[in-house]
Amino acid sequence: MECKLLGCRIRISVTFVTLVAVTVILDRSGMAAWTIGSAFLHECGHFIAFYLLGCPPTRVELLPFGMRMETSKEAPLGYAKEAVACLSGPMVNFLLFFLFSVLGKTLALSWMAAPAAVNLVLGSFNLLPIVPLDGGNALFCILCLFLEEKWVGRISCVLSVAVLLPVAILSFYIMLRSGFNITLLVTVSYLILLFAKSQRHGHSIHG
């Protein structure tokens, strides 16, 4: 399925629609819906940031575990603005966490604790200094302001492995202790695959 918005081609994969539908149907806690909604707003943060920074996206593809965004090569952002665009997604999540937390306490609405927690976890997770994530991409751009890109690539690779390894071990431990809840383990496994792909094809901010 494909459409066009503000000059940007938006493609929604069948796999994405299927995964969202199955997840929402099977989940009875309501957390899946909050997670999907928060992830969508996270990506909207990136989308809007690129427009505001003068480099509107030309193509966006919604995938099962995220969004692939392409921008015009004729108007590159530069490392500083690229870092801002990378961090805009997590900043949206932290803003939502603050709003839900404040409103929940002010209005005594206990159900707002769930979306607040989802946004806090989502924002924090995406700030991990791992190359496929926003935190890793932002760090890459910031370091490129001071060092040669080839050295930054090596630093990012070492740092990503240093963070991924303990997170992978922790996810396996949590799976065993929680009665084989594999959510985090699957997420980390997918993250490792993305990292391996980025090393094969070279670092790419836009995926």
Protein backbone atom coordinates (compact mmCIF):
# COMPACT_ATOMS: atom_id res chain seq x y z
CA MET A 1 0.00 0.00 0.00
CA GLU A 2 1.45 3.36 -1.01
CA CYS A 3 0.38 7.00 -0.83
CA LYS A 4 1.89 10.47 -1.09
CA LEU A 5 1.98 13.18 1.60
CA LEU A 6 3.69 16.58 1.30
CA GLY A 7 5.69 15.33 -1.65
CA CYS A 8 6.85 12.24 0.23
CA ARG A 9 6.05 8.71 -0.94
CA ILE A 10 4.81 6.63 2.00
CA ARG A 11 4.74 2.86 1.68
CA ILE A 12 3.16 0.57 4.27
CA SER A 13 4.28 -3.05 4.03
CA VAL A 14 1.75 -5.86 4.32
CA THR A 15 3.95 -7.42 7.00
CA PHE A 16 3.69 -4.25 9.08
CA VAL A 17 -0.11 -4.17 8.89
CA THR A 18 -0.33 -7.90 9.70
CA LEU A 19 2.01 -7.63 12.69
CA VAL A 20 0.13 -4.64 14.12
CA ALA A 21 -3.25 -6.36 13.70
CA VAL A 22 -2.11 -9.65 15.25
CA THR A 23 -0.37 -7.90 18.15
CA VAL A 24 -3.37 -5.75 19.02
CA ILE A 25 -5.76 -8.70 18.79
CA LEU A 26 -3.66 -11.02 20.96
CA ASP A 27 -2.69 -8.43 23.56
CA ARG A 28 -5.34 -8.03 26.25
CA SER A 29 -3.40 -5.67 28.51
CA GLY A 30 -3.58 -2.71 26.14
CA MET A 31 0.19 -2.23 26.29
CA ALA A 32 0.63 -3.24 22.64
CA ALA A 33 -1.64 -0.43 21.47
CA TRP A 34 0.24 2.11 23.60
CA THR A 35 3.57 0.81 22.32
CA ILE A 36 2.52 0.99 18.67
CA GLY A 37 1.06 4.46 19.13
CA SER A 38 4.16 5.72 20.94
CA ALA A 39 6.45 4.22 18.29
CA PHE A 40 4.41 5.93 15.57
CA LEU A 41 4.73 9.32 17.31
CA HIS A 42 8.44 8.63 17.77
CA GLU A 43 8.82 8.25 14.00
CA CYS A 44 6.68 11.34 13.42
CA GLY A 45 9.24 13.22 15.52
CA HIS A 46 11.96 12.25 13.04
CA PHE A 47 9.72 13.05 10.07
CA ILE A 48 8.87 16.55 11.33
CA ALA A 49 12.49 17.25 12.35
CA PHE A 50 13.76 16.58 8.84
CA TYR A 51 11.19 19.02 7.44
CA LEU A 52 12.05 21.72 9.97
CA LEU A 53 15.77 21.26 9.32
CA GLY A 54 15.30 21.83 5.60
CA CYS A 55 15.70 18.27 4.35
CA PRO A 56 12.19 16.86 3.80
CA PRO A 57 11.92 13.07 3.43
CA THR A 58 11.34 11.85 -0.12
CA ARG A 59 10.32 8.29 0.77
CA VAL A 60 9.14 6.59 3.95
CA GLU A 61 8.52 2.88 4.40
CA LEU A 62 6.77 1.45 7.46
CA LEU A 63 8.35 -1.86 8.39
CA PRO A 64 7.52 -4.42 11.12
CA PHE A 65 10.20 -3.08 13.49
CA GLY A 66 10.52 0.55 12.53
CA MET A 67 10.58 3.01 9.69
CA ARG A 68 13.01 3.45 6.81
CA MET A 69 13.33 7.06 5.72
CA GLU A 70 15.09 8.46 2.66
CA THR A 71 15.93 12.15 2.25
CA SER A 72 17.04 14.16 -0.75
CA LYS A 73 20.77 13.84 -1.41
CA GLU A 74 20.69 17.30 -2.98
CA ALA A 75 20.17 18.94 0.43
CA PRO A 76 22.32 17.08 2.99
CA LEU A 77 21.86 18.14 6.59
CA GLY A 78 25.41 17.93 7.84
CA TYR A 79 26.47 16.08 10.98
CA ALA A 80 25.13 18.56 13.56
CA LYS A 81 21.60 18.76 12.14
CA GLU A 82 21.64 15.00 11.46
CA ALA A 83 22.30 14.40 15.16
CA VAL A 84 19.36 16.65 16.06
CA ALA A 85 17.10 14.73 13.66
CA CYS A 86 18.21 11.41 15.20
CA LEU A 87 17.47 12.60 18.72
CA SER A 88 14.06 14.07 17.84
CA GLY A 89 12.32 10.68 18.10
CA PRO A 90 13.42 9.89 21.67
CA MET A 91 12.71 13.50 22.67
CA VAL A 92 9.08 13.03 21.57
CA ASN A 93 8.86 9.94 23.80
CA PHE A 94 10.30 11.80 26.79
CA LEU A 95 7.88 14.67 26.21
CA LEU A 96 4.97 12.20 26.15
CA PHE A 97 6.31 10.54 29.31
CA PHE A 98 6.33 13.93 31.05
CA LEU A 99 2.82 14.83 29.84
CA PHE A 100 1.27 11.48 30.82
CA SER A 101 3.03 11.53 34.20
CA VAL A 102 1.93 15.06 35.04
CA LEU A 103 -1.64 14.60 33.81
CA GLY A 104 -1.92 11.24 35.55
CA LYS A 105 -0.93 12.71 38.91
CA THR A 106 -2.85 15.97 38.45
CA LEU A 107 -6.09 14.34 37.33
CA ALA A 108 -5.63 11.18 39.42
CA LEU A 109 -5.90 8.96 36.34
CA SER A 110 -4.03 5.76 37.13
CA TRP A 111 -4.33 4.39 33.56
CA MET A 112 -1.90 7.06 32.34
CA ALA A 113 0.92 5.26 34.13
CA ALA A 114 1.00 2.66 31.31
CA PRO A 115 1.60 5.05 28.37
CA ALA A 116 4.04 7.04 30.53
CA ALA A 117 6.09 3.90 31.22
CA VAL A 118 5.97 2.82 27.57
CA ASN A 119 7.32 6.16 26.36
CA LEU A 120 10.06 6.23 29.01
CA VAL A 121 11.27 2.75 28.04
CA LEU A 122 10.99 3.44 24.30
CA GLY A 123 12.87 6.72 24.53
CA SER A 124 15.58 5.31 26.79
CA PHE A 125 16.04 2.17 24.67
CA ASN A 126 16.47 4.21 21.49
CA LEU A 127 19.17 6.33 23.15
CA LEU A 128 21.45 3.32 23.64
CA PRO A 129 24.76 4.02 21.81
CA ILE A 130 24.24 1.20 19.31
CA VAL A 131 24.65 2.06 15.63
CA PRO A 132 21.18 1.06 14.35
CA LEU A 133 19.46 3.04 17.13
CA ASP A 134 18.96 6.81 17.36
CA GLY A 135 21.51 7.12 20.16
CA GLY A 136 24.19 5.33 18.15
CA ASN A 137 23.45 7.34 15.01
CA ALA A 138 23.46 10.64 16.92
CA LEU A 139 26.74 9.76 18.62
CA PHE A 140 28.24 8.86 15.23
CA CYS A 141 27.29 12.28 13.84
CA ILE A 142 28.59 14.17 16.89
CA LEU A 143 31.94 12.35 16.82
CA CYS A 144 32.26 13.06 13.10
CA LEU A 145 32.36 16.76 13.97
CA PHE A 146 35.74 16.17 15.67
CA LEU A 147 37.20 13.00 14.12
CA GLU A 148 37.58 11.40 10.71
CA GLU A 149 34.61 9.24 9.74
CA LYS A 150 36.71 6.07 9.39
CA TRP A 151 37.84 6.36 13.02
CA VAL A 152 34.32 7.17 14.18
CA GLY A 153 33.08 4.05 12.41
CA ARG A 154 35.53 1.91 14.35
CA ILE A 155 34.69 3.58 17.65
CA SER A 156 30.95 3.12 17.01
CA CYS A 157 31.48 -0.55 16.17
CA VAL A 158 33.43 -1.27 19.37
CA LEU A 159 30.98 0.70 21.52
CA SER A 160 27.97 -1.02 19.93
CA VAL A 161 29.40 -4.48 20.63
CA ALA A 162 30.29 -3.43 24.19
CA VAL A 163 26.66 -2.44 24.80
CA LEU A 164 24.97 -5.21 22.80
CA LEU A 165 26.78 -8.06 24.54
CA PRO A 166 25.61 -7.35 28.12
CA VAL A 167 22.12 -6.42 26.87
CA ALA A 168 21.91 -9.76 25.01
CA ILE A 169 23.01 -11.65 28.14
CA LEU A 170 20.49 -9.70 30.24
CA SER A 171 17.66 -10.46 27.78
CA PHE A 172 18.47 -14.19 27.94
CA TYR A 173 18.52 -14.05 31.76
CA ILE A 174 15.17 -12.24 31.84
CA MET A 175 13.69 -14.84 29.49
CA LEU A 176 14.70 -17.66 31.85
CA ARG A 177 13.55 -15.86 35.01
CA SER A 178 10.21 -14.70 33.55
CA GLY A 179 8.97 -18.06 32.33
CA PHE A 180 10.32 -17.70 28.80
CA ASN A 181 9.03 -14.24 27.99
CA ILE A 182 11.04 -13.73 24.79
CA THR A 183 9.99 -10.14 23.95
CA LEU A 184 13.30 -8.52 24.92
CA LEU A 185 15.34 -11.38 23.51
CA VAL A 186 13.63 -11.10 20.11
CA THR A 187 14.13 -7.32 20.14
CA VAL A 188 17.83 -7.65 20.93
CA SER A 189 18.26 -10.40 18.32
CA TYR A 190 16.72 -8.14 15.68
CA LEU A 191 18.99 -5.32 16.84
CA ILE A 192 22.05 -7.55 16.42
CA LEU A 193 20.93 -8.38 12.87
CA LEU A 194 20.58 -4.67 12.07
CA PHE A 195 24.03 -3.99 13.50
CA ALA A 196 25.56 -6.79 11.43
CA LYS A 197 23.83 -5.45 8.31
CA SER A 198 25.11 -1.92 8.96
CA GLN A 199 28.66 -3.27 9.23
CA ARG A 200 28.36 -5.13 5.92
CA HIS A 201 26.93 -2.20 3.99
CA GLY A 202 28.58 0.68 5.83
CA HIS A 203 27.08 3.12 8.31
CA SER A 204 23.81 4.70 7.21
CA ILE A 205 21.82 7.16 9.27
CA HIS A 206 18.62 6.68 7.31
CA GLY A 207 18.76 2.89 7.24
